[in-house]
Amino acid sequence: MPPFLLRMVLWLRHPPSRNQRIAIAVICGIGIAFAAIEWLVGWPDWLTADRLPRGPRLTTP
């Protein structure tokens, strides 16, 4: 059985407290908001990591 199904069964048998449910909802909401902003606006260029050279490249003739 996959681990996420086992966790779901445990949550059904012993549900989390109200504060935990609120915290989970807030974290999911923040993630969904970031995904929506990225989807609507796009990824900013200043957040894109550029590859830096790792020293001189030696080529054989």
PDB file of N, CA and C in Angstrom:
ATOM      1  N   MET A   1       0.843  -1.171   0.000  1.00  0.00           N
ATOM      2  CA  MET A   1       0.000   0.000   0.000  1.00  0.00           C
ATOM      3  C   MET A   1       0.894   1.242   0.000  1.00  0.00           C
ATOM      4  N   PRO A   2       0.601   2.225  -0.848  1.00  0.00           N
ATOM      5  CA  PRO A   2       1.426   3.444  -0.898  1.00  0.00           C
ATOM      6  C   PRO A   2       1.379   4.208   0.434  1.00  0.00           C
ATOM      7  N   PRO A   3       2.473   4.872   0.765  1.00  0.00           N
ATOM      8  CA  PRO A   3       2.539   5.571   2.059  1.00  0.00           C
ATOM      9  C   PRO A   3       1.476   6.652   2.239  1.00  0.00           C
ATOM     10  N   PHE A   4       1.104   7.358   1.149  1.00  0.00           N
ATOM     11  CA  PHE A   4       0.113   8.420   1.310  1.00  0.00           C
ATOM     12  C   PHE A   4      -1.257   7.846   1.665  1.00  0.00           C
ATOM     13  N   LEU A   5      -1.559   6.634   1.210  1.00  0.00           N
ATOM     14  CA  LEU A   5      -2.825   6.019   1.596  1.00  0.00           C
ATOM     15  C   LEU A   5      -2.812   5.624   3.076  1.00  0.00           C
ATOM     16  N   LEU A   6      -1.672   5.158   3.551  1.00  0.00           N
ATOM     17  CA  LEU A   6      -1.566   4.844   4.973  1.00  0.00           C
ATOM     18  C   LEU A   6      -1.754   6.098   5.815  1.00  0.00           C
ATOM     19  N   ARG A   7      -1.188   7.207   5.384  1.00  0.00           N
ATOM     20  CA  ARG A   7      -1.355   8.454   6.120  1.00  0.00           C
ATOM     21  C   ARG A   7      -2.815   8.897   6.098  1.00  0.00           C
ATOM     22  N   MET A   8      -3.500   8.709   4.979  1.00  0.00           N
ATOM     23  CA  MET A   8      -4.913   9.068   4.904  1.00  0.00           C
ATOM     24  C   MET A   8      -5.743   8.219   5.863  1.00  0.00           C
ATOM     25  N   VAL A   9      -5.418   6.931   5.963  1.00  0.00           N
ATOM     26  CA  VAL A   9      -6.134   6.059   6.884  1.00  0.00           C
ATOM     27  C   VAL A   9      -5.909   6.508   8.327  1.00  0.00           C
ATOM     28  N   LEU A  10      -4.651   6.872   8.639  1.00  0.00           N
ATOM     29  CA  LEU A  10      -4.366   7.355   9.989  1.00  0.00           C
ATOM     30  C   LEU A  10      -5.127   8.648  10.284  1.00  0.00           C
ATOM     31  N   TRP A  11      -5.236   9.529   9.304  1.00  0.00           N
ATOM     32  CA  TRP A  11      -5.978  10.774   9.509  1.00  0.00           C
ATOM     33  C   TRP A  11      -7.466  10.495   9.697  1.00  0.00           C
ATOM     34  N   LEU A  12      -7.981   9.456   9.034  1.00  0.00           N
ATOM     35  CA  LEU A  12      -9.395   9.117   9.225  1.00  0.00           C
ATOM     36  C   LEU A  12      -9.646   8.548  10.618  1.00  0.00           C
ATOM     37  N   ARG A  13      -8.720   7.755  11.111  1.00  0.00           N
ATOM     38  CA  ARG A  13      -8.892   7.142  12.428  1.00  0.00           C
ATOM     39  C   ARG A  13      -8.622   8.130  13.551  1.00  0.00           C
ATOM     40  N   HIS A  14      -7.623   8.990  13.373  1.00  0.00           N
ATOM     41  CA  HIS A  14      -7.251   9.984  14.381  1.00  0.00           C
ATOM     42  C   HIS A  14      -7.101  11.324  13.682  1.00  0.00           C
ATOM     43  N   PRO A  15      -8.197  12.043  13.484  1.00  0.00           N
ATOM     44  CA  PRO A  15      -8.122  13.302  12.736  1.00  0.00           C
ATOM     45  C   PRO A  15      -7.273  14.352  13.466  1.00  0.00           C
ATOM     46  N   PRO A  16      -6.623  15.239  12.697  1.00  0.00           N
ATOM     47  CA  PRO A  16      -5.796  16.275  13.312  1.00  0.00           C
ATOM     48  C   PRO A  16      -6.661  17.295  14.047  1.00  0.00           C
ATOM     49  N   SER A  17      -6.031  18.042  14.937  1.00  0.00           N
ATOM     50  CA  SER A  17      -6.747  19.057  15.692  1.00  0.00           C
ATOM     51  C   SER A  17      -7.158  20.211  14.783  1.00  0.00           C
ATOM     52  N   ARG A  18      -7.985  21.076  15.313  1.00  0.00           N
ATOM     53  CA  ARG A  18      -8.479  22.203  14.528  1.00  0.00           C
ATOM     54  C   ARG A  18      -7.325  23.115  14.112  1.00  0.00           C
ATOM     55  N   ASN A  19      -6.383  23.352  15.011  1.00  0.00           N
ATOM     56  CA  ASN A  19      -5.235  24.216  14.685  1.00  0.00           C
ATOM     57  C   ASN A  19      -4.368  23.602  13.590  1.00  0.00           C
ATOM     58  N   GLN A  20      -4.194  22.293  13.613  1.00  0.00           N
ATOM     59  CA  GLN A  20      -3.422  21.630  12.557  1.00  0.00           C
ATOM     60  C   GLN A  20      -4.136  21.741  11.216  1.00  0.00           C
ATOM     61  N   ARG A  21      -5.456  21.589  11.220  1.00  0.00           N
ATOM     62  CA  ARG A  21      -6.208  21.717   9.962  1.00  0.00           C
ATOM     63  C   ARG A  21      -6.097  23.125   9.405  1.00  0.00           C
ATOM     64  N   ILE A  22      -6.131  24.128  10.287  1.00  0.00           N
ATOM     65  CA  ILE A  22      -5.987  25.517   9.832  1.00  0.00           C
ATOM     66  C   ILE A  22      -4.592  25.731   9.259  1.00  0.00           C
ATOM     67  N   ALA A  23      -3.570  25.221   9.933  1.00  0.00           N
ATOM     68  CA  ALA A  23      -2.195  25.375   9.451  1.00  0.00           C
ATOM     69  C   ALA A  23      -2.016  24.694   8.092  1.00  0.00           C
ATOM     70  N   ILE A  24      -2.572  23.509   7.930  1.00  0.00           N
ATOM     71  CA  ILE A  24      -2.474  22.798   6.658  1.00  0.00           C
ATOM     72  C   ILE A  24      -3.179  23.569   5.555  1.00  0.00           C
ATOM     73  N   ALA A  25      -4.353  24.126   5.861  1.00  0.00           N
ATOM     74  CA  ALA A  25      -5.106  24.905   4.874  1.00  0.00           C
ATOM     75  C   ALA A  25      -4.333  26.161   4.471  1.00  0.00           C
ATOM     76  N   VAL A  26      -3.687  26.819   5.440  1.00  0.00           N
ATOM     77  CA  VAL A  26      -2.916  28.027   5.139  1.00  0.00           C
ATOM     78  C   VAL A  26      -1.715  27.687   4.257  1.00  0.00           C
ATOM     79  N   ILE A  27      -1.013  26.622   4.578  1.00  0.00           N
ATOM     80  CA  ILE A  27       0.157  26.222   3.778  1.00  0.00           C
ATOM     81  C   ILE A  27      -0.264  25.849   2.361  1.00  0.00           C
ATOM     82  N   CYS A  28      -1.353  25.099   2.225  1.00  0.00           N
ATOM     83  CA  CYS A  28      -1.851  24.752   0.882  1.00  0.00           C
ATOM     84  C   CYS A  28      -2.289  25.999   0.124  1.00  0.00           C
ATOM     85  N   GLY A  29      -2.936  26.933   0.812  1.00  0.00           N
ATOM     86  CA  GLY A  29      -3.366  28.174   0.175  1.00  0.00           C
ATOM     87  C   GLY A  29      -2.204  28.997  -0.327  1.00  0.00           C
ATOM     88  N   ILE A  30      -1.133  29.072   0.477  1.00  0.00           N
ATOM     89  CA  ILE A  30       0.062  29.814   0.048  1.00  0.00           C
ATOM     90  C   ILE A  30       0.674  29.155  -1.185  1.00  0.00           C
ATOM     91  N   GLY A  31       0.751  27.834  -1.184  1.00  0.00           N
ATOM     92  CA  GLY A  31       1.298  27.129  -2.349  1.00  0.00           C
ATOM     93  C   GLY A  31       0.460  27.336  -3.595  1.00  0.00           C
ATOM     94  N   ILE A  32      -0.851  27.273  -3.445  1.00  0.00           N
ATOM     95  CA  ILE A  32      -1.743  27.493  -4.593  1.00  0.00           C
ATOM     96  C   ILE A  32      -1.638  28.931  -5.087  1.00  0.00           C
ATOM     97  N   ALA A  33      -1.508  29.886  -4.148  1.00  0.00           N
ATOM     98  CA  ALA A  33      -1.368  31.290  -4.548  1.00  0.00           C
ATOM     99  C   ALA A  33      -0.072  31.506  -5.330  1.00  0.00           C
ATOM    100  N   PHE A  34       1.039  30.917  -4.864  1.00  0.00           N
ATOM    101  CA  PHE A  34       2.299  31.032  -5.605  1.00  0.00           C
ATOM    102  C   PHE A  34       2.179  30.406  -6.990  1.00  0.00           C
ATOM    103  N   ALA A  35       1.537  29.252  -7.082  1.00  0.00           N
ATOM    104  CA  ALA A  35       1.369  28.593  -8.383  1.00  0.00           C
ATOM    105  C   ALA A  35       0.508  29.438  -9.314  1.00  0.00           C
ATOM    106  N   ALA A  36      -0.541  30.048  -8.773  1.00  0.00           N
ATOM    107  CA  ALA A  36      -1.423  30.884  -9.603  1.00  0.00           C
ATOM    108  C   ALA A  36      -0.692  32.131 -10.085  1.00  0.00           C
ATOM    109  N   ILE A  37       0.082  32.760  -9.209  1.00  0.00           N
ATOM    110  CA  ILE A  37       0.845  33.948  -9.615  1.00  0.00           C
ATOM    111  C   ILE A  37       1.857  33.582 -10.688  1.00  0.00           C
ATOM    112  N   GLU A  38       2.540  32.451 -10.497  1.00  0.00           N
ATOM    113  CA  GLU A  38       3.523  32.022 -11.500  1.00  0.00           C
ATOM    114  C   GLU A  38       2.844  31.708 -12.825  1.00  0.00           C
ATOM    115  N   TRP A  39       1.672  31.117 -12.772  1.00  0.00           N
ATOM    116  CA  TRP A  39       0.963  30.761 -13.999  1.00  0.00           C
ATOM    117  C   TRP A  39       0.444  32.012 -14.717  1.00  0.00           C
ATOM    118  N   LEU A  40      -0.056  32.987 -13.949  1.00  0.00           N
ATOM    119  CA  LEU A  40      -0.626  34.190 -14.563  1.00  0.00           C
ATOM    120  C   LEU A  40       0.450  35.168 -15.033  1.00  0.00           C
ATOM    121  N   VAL A  41       1.474  35.389 -14.219  1.00  0.00           N
ATOM    122  CA  VAL A  41       2.468  36.415 -14.506  1.00  0.00           C
ATOM    123  C   VAL A  41       3.689  35.834 -15.192  1.00  0.00           C
ATOM    124  N   GLY A  42       4.091  34.663 -14.782  1.00  0.00           N
ATOM    125  CA  GLY A  42       5.293  34.049 -15.341  1.00  0.00           C
ATOM    126  C   GLY A  42       6.428  34.116 -14.346  1.00  0.00           C
ATOM    127  N   TRP A  43       7.497  33.433 -14.647  1.00  0.00           N
ATOM    128  CA  TRP A  43       8.655  33.377 -13.767  1.00  0.00           C
ATOM    129  C   TRP A  43       9.539  34.590 -14.047  1.00  0.00           C
ATOM    130  N   PRO A  44       9.876  35.390 -13.020  1.00  0.00           N
ATOM    131  CA  PRO A  44      10.709  36.574 -13.268  1.00  0.00           C
ATOM    132  C   PRO A  44      12.137  36.188 -13.645  1.00  0.00           C
ATOM    133  N   ASP A  45      12.713  36.990 -14.529  1.00  0.00           N
ATOM    134  CA  ASP A  45      14.068  36.707 -14.993  1.00  0.00           C
ATOM    135  C   ASP A  45      15.095  36.818 -13.874  1.00  0.00           C
ATOM    136  N   TRP A  46      14.851  37.707 -12.906  1.00  0.00           N
ATOM    137  CA  TRP A  46      15.832  37.904 -11.840  1.00  0.00           C
ATOM    138  C   TRP A  46      15.876  36.717 -10.887  1.00  0.00           C
ATOM    139  N   LEU A  47      14.888  35.806 -10.953  1.00  0.00           N
ATOM    140  CA  LEU A  47      14.907  34.618 -10.113  1.00  0.00           C
ATOM    141  C   LEU A  47      15.492  33.402 -10.820  1.00  0.00           C
ATOM    142  N   THR A  48      15.825  33.544 -12.089  1.00  0.00           N
ATOM    143  CA  THR A  48      16.376  32.437 -12.845  1.00  0.00           C
ATOM    144  C   THR A  48      17.883  32.338 -12.592  1.00  0.00           C
ATOM    145  N   ALA A  49      18.315  31.183 -12.186  1.00  0.00           N
ATOM    146  CA  ALA A  49      19.743  30.977 -11.921  1.00  0.00           C
ATOM    147  C   ALA A  49      20.460  30.677 -13.227  1.00  0.00           C
ATOM    148  N   ASP A  50      21.538  31.395 -13.458  1.00  0.00           N
ATOM    149  CA  ASP A  50      22.356  31.151 -14.637  1.00  0.00           C
ATOM    150  C   ASP A  50      23.507  30.236 -14.248  1.00  0.00           C
ATOM    151  N   ARG A  51      23.879  29.377 -15.159  1.00  0.00           N
ATOM    152  CA  ARG A  51      25.014  28.496 -14.885  1.00  0.00           C
ATOM    153  C   ARG A  51      26.301  29.293 -14.987  1.00  0.00           C
ATOM    154  N   LEU A  52      27.132  29.129 -13.975  1.00  0.00           N
ATOM    155  CA  LEU A  52      28.424  29.786 -13.982  1.00  0.00           C
ATOM    156  C   LEU A  52      29.481  28.808 -14.465  1.00  0.00           C
ATOM    157  N   PRO A  53      30.482  29.294 -15.205  1.00  0.00           N
ATOM    158  CA  PRO A  53      31.547  28.397 -15.643  1.00  0.00           C
ATOM    159  C   PRO A  53      32.348  27.910 -14.442  1.00  0.00           C
ATOM    160  N   ARG A  54      32.795  26.671 -14.488  1.00  0.00           N
ATOM    161  CA  ARG A  54      33.531  26.059 -13.367  1.00  0.00           C
ATOM    162  C   ARG A  54      35.022  25.951 -13.684  1.00  0.00           C
ATOM    163  N   GLY A  55      35.571  26.968 -14.217  1.00  0.00           N
ATOM    164  CA  GLY A  55      36.996  26.935 -14.511  1.00  0.00           C
ATOM    165  C   GLY A  55      37.243  26.851 -16.005  1.00  0.00           C
ATOM    166  N   PRO A  56      38.503  26.843 -16.380  1.00  0.00           N
ATOM    167  CA  PRO A  56      38.822  26.820 -17.812  1.00  0.00           C
ATOM    168  C   PRO A  56      38.473  25.463 -18.426  1.00  0.00           C
ATOM    169  N   ARG A  57      37.954  25.543 -19.626  1.00  0.00           N
ATOM    170  CA  ARG A  57      37.625  24.320 -20.361  1.00  0.00           C
ATOM    171  C   ARG A  57      38.783  24.021 -21.321  1.00  0.00           C
ATOM    172  N   LEU A  58      39.346  22.866 -21.176  1.00  0.00           N
ATOM    173  CA  LEU A  58      40.461  22.471 -22.031  1.00  0.00           C
ATOM    174  C   LEU A  58      39.937  21.608 -23.172  1.00  0.00           C
ATOM    175  N   THR A  59      40.307  21.979 -24.357  1.00  0.00           N
ATOM    176  CA  THR A  59      39.917  21.200 -25.522  1.00  0.00           C
ATOM    177  C   THR A  59      41.168  20.611 -26.155  1.00  0.00           C
ATOM    178  N   THR A  60      41.027  19.439 -26.665  1.00  0.00           N
ATOM    179  CA  THR A  60      42.145  18.808 -27.343  1.00  0.00           C
ATOM    180  C   THR A  60      42.069  19.097 -28.833  1.00  0.00           C
ATOM    181  N   PRO A  61      43.212  19.404 -29.439  1.00  0.00           N
ATOM    182  CA  PRO A  61      43.184  19.715 -30.885  1.00  0.00           C
ATOM    183  C   PRO A  61      42.948  18.506 -31.746  1.00  0.00           C
TER     184      PRO A  61
END
